[in-house]
Amino acid sequence: MKYIAYITFVFITIQLLNLIINFLFRQKLKSTYKTKQEKISILIPARNEEKNIAGLLNNLTKIKNDNLEIIVYNDGSNDNTAKIVEDFVESDGRIKLITGEALPDGWRGKNFACHQMSKIAMGDYFLFIDADVRIEGDIITDAVAYVKKYGLGLLSLFPKQIMVTFGEKISVPVMNYILLTLLPLVLVRLSPFKSHSAANGQFMFFDAKTYKRFMPHKMFRNSLVEDIEIARFLKSEKTKIACVTGDERVVCRMYGSYAEALNGFSKNILMFFGNSLTAALIFWTFSALGFVPVLLSMSEYFHVYLIIFLSIQFLYSSTSKENMAENLFLFPLQMLFMLHVILNAVLIRTGKPYIWKGRYI
C-alpha cells in the first residue's frame, strides 16, 4: 500500500507541474502584430441548431469587416435552423446558407459539412466554429495575428464553458481537468512530437493554404474525433499547430444536461489518453482514489497531499476560468461522471448504438 501511496504522490506532482506550466505560460491571443485585411471565411456546420444559430450569427454580424464571409451549412435540419439563417442572409450580405446534400457512405455529418463548405470558401483563413459558440471583441483579428506570428497551419481554442444546470457543473469541467493536468499546452506549439497535440472542434482556425493542401476533413471523413486526428496529422507533417484556452472572448454552452454531456464526451474521452482504456482508468483511479493509499499508509503526509490537491483545483479552475469553489465541492461527483463516461465509451466500442444529433453513428 505504501508503494501505491508513493506512486500517487508522483502522479499528483506531475499533474501539479503540468498545471503550473499551463497557468504561468498561458498563451494569449491579444497581439500588437500588424496584419492587413485578409479575407476570413467563418464556416458553421448546423444540424437542428435553432436554439443556437441566431446567437452566433448575432455576434458575427457585429464584426465590422467587409473581408469576412460567413457560410452556414444546413445539414438536414428538421427544425427552424434554415429559416433563421435565411433571415440573417437578407440583412447581411456576408452570410451564405448552403442546403446540405445527402450524407455519403463513409462520412460523418460534421466532417462532410466542413468539407463541403471548404470547397466554396474564398478566405485566406478558415474558421470552423460550432453553432453553440459565442465570440466577441477582436478575437478573429487576434487569431490571424497569432497564426502569422508563429507560422501556424492550425490554431485551436477551448472556449470558456458556460454551465447552468447541476448536471453541467458535474460533467463539463472534467474536460478541462483532463486536458490541463495531462498536457502543458505550450508544447502543442513547441514540441515536434504528435503525442503533444490537442485541438477542439468548437474553434478550429486554419491557414487556408494548409487546409487546401491536406483537405483534413476529407482525410478523416469517418472519424468521431476529427479535431484531435487532424492536429496529430498536421504535426506528423511538420506543420505547426497551437492550442490555447481561457480566452473569455470565446464562450460556449456545450451541453444542456448531464445526459447530453455523457453522450458527447463518450465519443472522444479515450482520445485524451491515446485511445487507451488502461491509461484512462489509471488516470481516473489516481485522480479519484489517490487519497486512499496516502491516508492508510502515509497519514503523516496527508496534509501534503491536501495542499497539492487544493493547488490543482485552484490552478485548473483559474486557467480555464471556472469557479474553484464549485469544482472543489463537486469534485467527487465529477470523478463519478468521468468513470461513467469511460464505461459508456467502452460500451460504444463494443457495439452499443450511438446517436448524435439524430443520426446513428
Protein backbone atom coordinates (compact mmCIF):
# COMPACT_ATOMS: atom_id res chain seq x y z
CA MET A 1 0.00 0.00 0.00
CA LYS A 2 2.87 2.36 0.77
CA TYR A 3 4.28 1.91 -2.74
CA ILE A 4 0.90 2.86 -4.18
CA ALA A 5 0.96 5.97 -1.99
CA TYR A 6 4.39 6.87 -3.40
CA ILE A 7 3.05 6.43 -6.94
CA THR A 8 0.10 8.64 -6.02
CA PHE A 9 2.43 11.43 -4.95
CA VAL A 10 4.38 11.11 -8.20
CA PHE A 11 1.12 11.22 -10.17
CA ILE A 12 -0.34 14.30 -8.49
CA THR A 13 3.03 16.07 -8.58
CA ILE A 14 3.14 15.60 -12.36
CA GLN A 15 -0.42 16.92 -12.57
CA LEU A 16 0.60 19.93 -10.50
CA LEU A 17 3.68 20.65 -12.62
CA ASN A 18 1.61 20.49 -15.82
CA LEU A 19 -0.88 22.91 -14.31
CA ILE A 20 1.81 25.32 -13.14
CA ILE A 21 3.16 25.42 -16.69
CA ASN A 22 -0.33 25.93 -18.13
CA PHE A 23 -1.04 28.68 -15.60
CA LEU A 24 2.26 30.54 -15.94
CA PHE A 25 2.61 30.17 -19.70
CA ARG A 26 -0.96 30.84 -20.73
CA GLN A 27 -0.87 31.82 -24.37
CA LYS A 28 -2.83 34.97 -25.03
CA LEU A 29 -4.16 35.85 -28.46
CA LYS A 30 -4.03 39.58 -27.83
CA SER A 31 -1.27 40.87 -30.05
CA THR A 32 0.19 44.09 -31.42
CA TYR A 33 1.32 42.22 -34.52
CA LYS A 34 0.07 44.19 -37.53
CA THR A 35 -1.99 42.43 -40.18
CA LYS A 36 -3.51 43.52 -43.43
CA GLN A 37 -7.19 42.88 -44.05
CA GLU A 38 -7.01 39.22 -45.02
CA LYS A 39 -10.26 37.58 -46.05
CA ILE A 40 -11.68 35.30 -43.36
CA SER A 41 -14.17 32.51 -44.00
CA ILE A 42 -16.23 31.54 -40.96
CA LEU A 43 -17.71 28.10 -41.59
CA ILE A 44 -20.56 26.84 -39.43
CA PRO A 45 -21.94 23.28 -39.66
CA ALA A 46 -25.53 23.36 -38.41
CA ARG A 47 -27.87 20.45 -37.78
CA ASN A 48 -31.01 21.23 -35.76
CA GLU A 49 -29.44 24.33 -34.22
CA GLU A 50 -32.50 26.58 -33.95
CA LYS A 51 -31.68 27.25 -30.28
CA ASN A 52 -28.11 28.32 -31.01
CA ILE A 53 -27.58 29.65 -34.51
CA ALA A 54 -29.18 33.08 -34.04
CA GLY A 55 -26.96 33.86 -31.06
CA LEU A 56 -23.79 33.09 -33.00
CA LEU A 57 -24.89 34.99 -36.11
CA ASN A 58 -25.83 37.99 -33.97
CA ASN A 59 -22.26 38.01 -32.66
CA LEU A 60 -20.73 37.65 -36.10
CA THR A 61 -22.80 40.37 -37.76
CA LYS A 62 -21.42 42.85 -35.22
CA ILE A 63 -17.91 42.35 -36.61
CA LYS A 64 -17.05 45.37 -38.76
CA ASN A 65 -15.06 43.68 -41.52
CA ASP A 66 -16.04 43.63 -45.17
CA ASN A 67 -13.44 40.91 -45.84
CA LEU A 68 -15.50 38.44 -43.85
CA GLU A 69 -17.70 35.71 -45.29
CA ILE A 70 -19.95 33.57 -43.13
CA ILE A 71 -21.12 30.25 -44.53
CA VAL A 72 -23.72 28.12 -42.75
CA TYR A 73 -24.22 24.54 -43.89
CA ASN A 74 -27.72 23.30 -43.11
CA ASP A 75 -27.08 19.62 -42.53
CA GLY A 76 -30.54 18.11 -42.95
CA SER A 77 -32.12 20.07 -40.10
CA ASN A 78 -35.78 19.33 -39.40
CA ASP A 79 -36.30 22.37 -37.20
CA ASN A 80 -36.21 26.12 -37.98
CA THR A 81 -32.44 26.38 -38.46
CA ALA A 82 -32.67 27.20 -42.18
CA LYS A 83 -35.41 29.81 -41.72
CA ILE A 84 -33.44 31.59 -39.01
CA VAL A 85 -30.32 31.71 -41.19
CA GLU A 86 -32.33 32.93 -44.20
CA ASP A 87 -33.49 35.92 -42.16
CA PHE A 88 -29.86 36.81 -41.44
CA VAL A 89 -28.92 36.35 -45.10
CA GLU A 90 -31.44 39.03 -46.04
CA SER A 91 -29.95 41.54 -43.60
CA ASP A 92 -26.22 40.84 -44.05
CA GLY A 93 -24.72 40.13 -47.46
CA ARG A 94 -21.69 38.44 -45.92
CA ILE A 95 -23.80 35.45 -44.86
CA LYS A 96 -24.50 32.48 -47.14
CA LEU A 97 -26.68 29.46 -46.50
CA ILE A 98 -25.90 26.12 -48.09
CA THR A 99 -28.52 23.40 -48.21
CA GLY A 100 -26.76 20.17 -47.37
CA GLU A 101 -26.53 17.16 -49.63
CA ALA A 102 -27.41 13.62 -48.61
CA LEU A 103 -24.65 12.21 -46.42
CA PRO A 104 -22.46 9.86 -48.49
CA ASP A 105 -21.43 6.47 -47.17
CA GLY A 106 -18.30 6.54 -45.06
CA TRP A 107 -18.69 10.13 -43.89
CA ARG A 108 -19.63 11.65 -40.53
CA GLY A 109 -22.10 14.50 -40.84
CA LYS A 110 -19.96 17.28 -39.41
CA ASN A 111 -16.90 16.26 -41.40
CA PHE A 112 -18.88 16.25 -44.65
CA ALA A 113 -20.40 19.64 -43.84
CA CYS A 114 -16.99 21.16 -43.14
CA HIS A 115 -15.53 19.66 -46.31
CA GLN A 116 -18.38 20.97 -48.45
CA MET A 117 -18.03 24.47 -47.05
CA SER A 118 -14.27 24.46 -47.57
CA LYS A 119 -14.76 23.86 -51.30
CA ILE A 120 -16.55 27.18 -51.79
CA ALA A 121 -14.85 29.26 -49.09
CA MET A 122 -12.79 32.13 -50.50
CA GLY A 123 -10.86 33.22 -47.43
CA ASP A 124 -7.17 33.32 -46.67
CA TYR A 125 -8.12 31.70 -43.36
CA PHE A 126 -10.87 29.23 -42.48
CA LEU A 127 -12.52 29.33 -39.05
CA PHE A 128 -14.65 26.26 -38.39
CA ILE A 129 -16.86 27.07 -35.44
CA ASP A 130 -19.80 25.32 -33.76
CA ALA A 131 -23.21 26.97 -33.60
CA ASP A 132 -23.24 26.97 -29.79
CA VAL A 133 -20.08 29.10 -29.57
CA ARG A 134 -20.24 32.84 -28.92
CA ILE A 135 -17.43 35.21 -29.84
CA GLU A 136 -16.84 38.89 -29.23
CA GLY A 137 -14.23 41.59 -29.50
CA ASP A 138 -11.21 41.28 -31.76
CA ILE A 139 -10.73 37.55 -31.31
CA ILE A 140 -10.66 36.82 -35.05
CA THR A 141 -8.18 39.60 -35.80
CA ASP A 142 -6.02 38.40 -32.92
CA ALA A 143 -6.25 34.81 -34.16
CA VAL A 144 -4.93 35.92 -37.56
CA ALA A 145 -2.08 37.78 -35.88
CA TYR A 146 -1.20 34.77 -33.71
CA VAL A 147 -1.20 32.39 -36.68
CA LYS A 148 1.01 34.73 -38.69
CA LYS A 149 3.37 35.41 -35.79
CA TYR A 150 4.13 31.73 -35.22
CA GLY A 151 3.65 30.46 -38.77
CA LEU A 152 0.82 28.12 -37.80
CA GLY A 153 -1.23 25.87 -40.02
CA LEU A 154 -3.86 25.43 -37.28
CA LEU A 155 -4.85 27.32 -34.16
CA SER A 156 -7.46 25.70 -31.94
CA LEU A 157 -9.10 27.17 -28.88
CA PHE A 158 -11.00 25.75 -25.92
CA PRO A 159 -13.76 28.27 -25.13
CA LYS A 160 -14.73 29.30 -21.65
CA GLN A 161 -17.56 26.93 -20.79
CA ILE A 162 -20.91 28.26 -19.63
CA MET A 163 -22.58 25.91 -17.15
CA VAL A 164 -26.09 26.48 -15.84
CA THR A 165 -27.59 23.23 -14.58
CA PHE A 166 -26.24 20.97 -11.85
CA GLY A 167 -25.72 18.25 -14.44
CA GLU A 168 -23.46 20.53 -16.47
CA LYS A 169 -21.42 21.53 -13.43
CA ILE A 170 -20.56 17.93 -12.56
CA SER A 171 -19.74 16.99 -16.15
CA VAL A 172 -18.34 19.78 -18.32
CA PRO A 173 -15.35 20.72 -16.07
CA VAL A 174 -13.97 17.19 -16.44
CA MET A 175 -12.76 18.04 -19.96
CA ASN A 176 -10.56 20.90 -18.76
CA TYR A 177 -9.37 18.90 -15.76
CA ILE A 178 -8.10 16.11 -18.01
CA LEU A 179 -6.63 18.44 -20.61
CA LEU A 180 -4.79 20.79 -18.27
CA THR A 181 -3.40 18.14 -15.90
CA LEU A 182 -2.22 15.89 -18.73
CA LEU A 183 -0.54 18.27 -21.16
CA PRO A 184 1.34 21.57 -20.97
CA LEU A 185 -0.46 23.32 -23.83
CA VAL A 186 2.59 25.34 -24.81
CA LEU A 187 4.10 22.03 -26.00
CA VAL A 188 1.39 21.79 -28.67
CA ARG A 189 3.17 24.66 -30.38
CA LEU A 190 6.76 24.00 -29.32
CA SER A 191 7.13 20.21 -29.33
CA PRO A 192 7.68 18.25 -32.57
CA PHE A 193 6.03 15.13 -31.15
CA LYS A 194 2.49 14.41 -32.30
CA SER A 195 1.69 12.98 -28.86
CA HIS A 196 1.84 16.63 -27.73
CA SER A 197 -1.26 17.52 -29.74
CA ALA A 198 -4.59 18.97 -28.69
CA ALA A 199 -7.46 20.58 -30.54
CA ASN A 200 -11.12 21.40 -30.08
CA GLY A 201 -13.60 21.17 -32.94
CA GLN A 202 -15.58 24.07 -31.48
CA PHE A 203 -12.94 26.52 -32.75
CA MET A 204 -10.52 25.40 -35.49
CA PHE A 205 -8.70 28.25 -37.26
CA PHE A 206 -6.74 27.12 -40.34
CA ASP A 207 -4.40 28.84 -42.71
CA ALA A 208 -6.37 28.20 -45.92
CA LYS A 209 -3.30 27.06 -47.86
CA THR A 210 -2.61 24.42 -45.23
CA TYR A 211 -6.22 23.30 -45.26
CA LYS A 212 -6.41 23.04 -49.05
CA ARG A 213 -3.14 21.14 -49.18
CA PHE A 214 -4.38 18.35 -46.94
CA MET A 215 -8.22 18.65 -47.02
CA PRO A 216 -8.23 17.21 -43.48
CA HIS A 217 -11.99 16.77 -43.03
CA LYS A 218 -11.99 14.59 -46.13
CA MET A 219 -8.94 12.72 -44.89
CA PHE A 220 -10.65 11.94 -41.57
CA ARG A 221 -14.15 11.73 -43.02
CA ASN A 222 -15.22 8.81 -40.82
CA SER A 223 -13.69 10.00 -37.54
CA LEU A 224 -15.72 10.90 -34.47
CA VAL A 225 -12.75 12.83 -33.10
CA GLU A 226 -11.57 14.56 -36.25
CA ASP A 227 -10.24 17.57 -34.33
CA ILE A 228 -7.60 15.55 -32.47
CA GLU A 229 -6.88 13.38 -35.51
CA ILE A 230 -6.30 16.48 -37.65
CA ALA A 231 -4.00 18.06 -35.06
CA ARG A 232 -1.88 14.92 -34.78
CA PHE A 233 -1.71 14.50 -38.54
CA LEU A 234 -0.59 18.09 -39.13
CA LYS A 235 2.16 17.67 -36.55
CA SER A 236 3.31 14.49 -38.25
CA GLU A 237 3.57 16.53 -41.46
CA LYS A 238 5.78 19.11 -39.71
CA THR A 239 3.01 21.71 -39.84
CA LYS A 240 2.97 23.99 -36.80
CA ILE A 241 -0.14 24.00 -34.63
CA ALA A 242 -1.17 25.61 -31.36
CA CYS A 243 -3.94 25.21 -28.80
CA VAL A 244 -4.98 27.79 -26.22
CA THR A 245 -7.61 28.05 -23.51
CA GLY A 246 -9.14 30.53 -21.12
CA ASP A 247 -9.91 33.39 -23.52
CA GLU A 248 -13.15 34.90 -22.25
CA ARG A 249 -13.98 36.38 -25.65
CA VAL A 250 -14.94 32.88 -26.79
CA VAL A 251 -17.59 31.13 -24.73
CA CYS A 252 -19.77 28.09 -25.23
CA ARG A 253 -22.59 26.30 -23.51
CA MET A 254 -21.54 22.94 -24.81
CA TYR A 255 -24.24 20.76 -23.27
CA GLY A 256 -27.53 21.47 -21.58
CA SER A 257 -27.68 18.48 -19.25
CA TYR A 258 -25.83 15.54 -17.74
CA ALA A 259 -27.24 13.20 -20.38
CA GLU A 260 -26.06 15.41 -23.24
CA ALA A 261 -22.58 15.68 -21.71
CA LEU A 262 -22.39 11.92 -21.23
CA ASN A 263 -23.33 11.32 -24.85
CA GLY A 264 -20.92 13.95 -26.15
CA PHE A 265 -17.85 13.10 -24.09
CA SER A 266 -18.25 9.36 -24.61
CA LYS A 267 -17.22 9.68 -28.24
CA ASN A 268 -13.85 11.28 -27.53
CA ILE A 269 -12.70 10.76 -23.94
CA LEU A 270 -10.37 7.87 -24.75
CA MET A 271 -8.56 10.00 -27.33
CA PHE A 272 -7.25 12.15 -24.46
CA PHE A 273 -5.36 9.03 -23.38
CA GLY A 274 -4.01 7.90 -26.73
CA ASN A 275 -7.13 5.76 -27.25
CA SER A 276 -6.03 3.57 -24.32
CA LEU A 277 -8.68 2.34 -21.90
CA THR A 278 -5.95 1.26 -19.49
CA ALA A 279 -4.42 4.74 -19.41
CA ALA A 280 -7.85 6.31 -18.87
CA LEU A 281 -8.61 4.02 -15.93
CA ILE A 282 -5.19 4.60 -14.37
CA PHE A 283 -5.69 8.36 -14.64
CA TRP A 284 -9.16 8.08 -13.10
CA THR A 285 -8.02 5.79 -10.27
CA PHE A 286 -5.22 8.06 -9.07
CA SER A 287 -7.28 11.22 -9.57
CA ALA A 288 -10.38 9.95 -7.77
CA LEU A 289 -9.00 7.47 -5.23
CA GLY A 290 -5.38 8.50 -4.75
CA PHE A 291 -6.12 9.85 -1.29
CA VAL A 292 -6.96 6.34 0.00
CA PRO A 293 -3.45 4.77 -0.01
CA VAL A 294 -1.97 8.04 1.28
CA LEU A 295 -4.45 8.16 4.15
CA LEU A 296 -3.98 4.47 5.02
CA SER A 297 -0.20 4.13 4.79
CA MET A 298 1.27 7.65 4.92
CA SER A 299 -1.20 9.58 7.02
CA GLU A 300 1.57 11.77 8.43
CA TYR A 301 1.92 13.23 4.90
CA PHE A 302 -1.76 13.54 4.15
CA HIS A 303 -1.59 17.30 4.66
CA VAL A 304 0.95 17.44 1.81
CA TYR A 305 -1.50 15.55 -0.40
CA LEU A 306 -4.25 18.02 0.52
CA ILE A 307 -2.05 21.02 -0.29
CA ILE A 308 -1.21 19.58 -3.71
CA PHE A 309 -4.85 18.66 -4.34
CA LEU A 310 -6.07 22.17 -3.46
CA SER A 311 -3.34 23.69 -5.63
CA ILE A 312 -4.50 21.54 -8.54
CA GLN A 313 -8.08 22.69 -8.05
CA PHE A 314 -7.04 26.35 -7.92
CA LEU A 315 -4.78 26.19 -10.96
CA TYR A 316 -7.07 24.29 -13.31
CA SER A 317 -10.10 26.37 -12.33
CA SER A 318 -8.18 29.63 -12.77
CA THR A 319 -6.64 28.63 -16.09
CA SER A 320 -9.98 27.55 -17.55
CA LYS A 321 -11.92 30.47 -15.98
CA GLU A 322 -14.13 28.18 -13.91
CA ASN A 323 -15.47 28.50 -10.36
CA MET A 324 -12.96 26.91 -7.98
CA ALA A 325 -15.40 26.60 -5.06
CA GLU A 326 -17.90 24.72 -7.22
CA ASN A 327 -15.22 22.48 -8.71
CA LEU A 328 -13.80 21.68 -5.27
CA PHE A 329 -17.19 20.87 -3.77
CA LEU A 330 -18.34 18.86 -6.79
CA PHE A 331 -15.05 17.05 -7.48
CA PRO A 332 -16.27 13.63 -6.19
CA LEU A 333 -19.31 13.80 -8.47
CA GLN A 334 -17.16 14.97 -11.37
CA MET A 335 -14.97 11.89 -10.91
CA LEU A 336 -18.05 9.65 -10.88
CA PHE A 337 -19.13 11.29 -14.12
CA MET A 338 -15.71 10.65 -15.63
CA LEU A 339 -15.96 6.96 -14.74
CA HIS A 340 -19.47 6.86 -16.23
CA VAL A 341 -18.14 8.35 -19.47
CA ILE A 342 -15.25 5.88 -19.67
CA LEU A 343 -17.58 2.91 -19.15
CA ASN A 344 -20.05 4.28 -21.70
CA ALA A 345 -17.20 4.73 -24.19
CA VAL A 346 -16.31 1.07 -23.71
CA LEU A 347 -19.92 0.06 -24.42
CA ILE A 348 -19.88 2.14 -27.61
CA ARG A 349 -16.67 0.41 -28.69
CA THR A 350 -18.30 -2.96 -28.17
CA GLY A 351 -21.26 -2.13 -30.38
CA LYS A 352 -23.74 -0.13 -28.30
CA PRO A 353 -25.76 2.08 -30.72
CA TYR A 354 -24.54 5.67 -30.62
CA ILE A 355 -26.79 8.53 -31.69
CA TRP A 356 -25.51 12.05 -32.30
CA LYS A 357 -27.82 14.84 -33.47
CA GLY A 358 -30.41 12.33 -34.57
CA ARG A 359 -28.03 10.11 -36.55
CA TYR A 360 -26.83 6.63 -35.72
CA ILE A 361 -23.03 6.67 -35.74
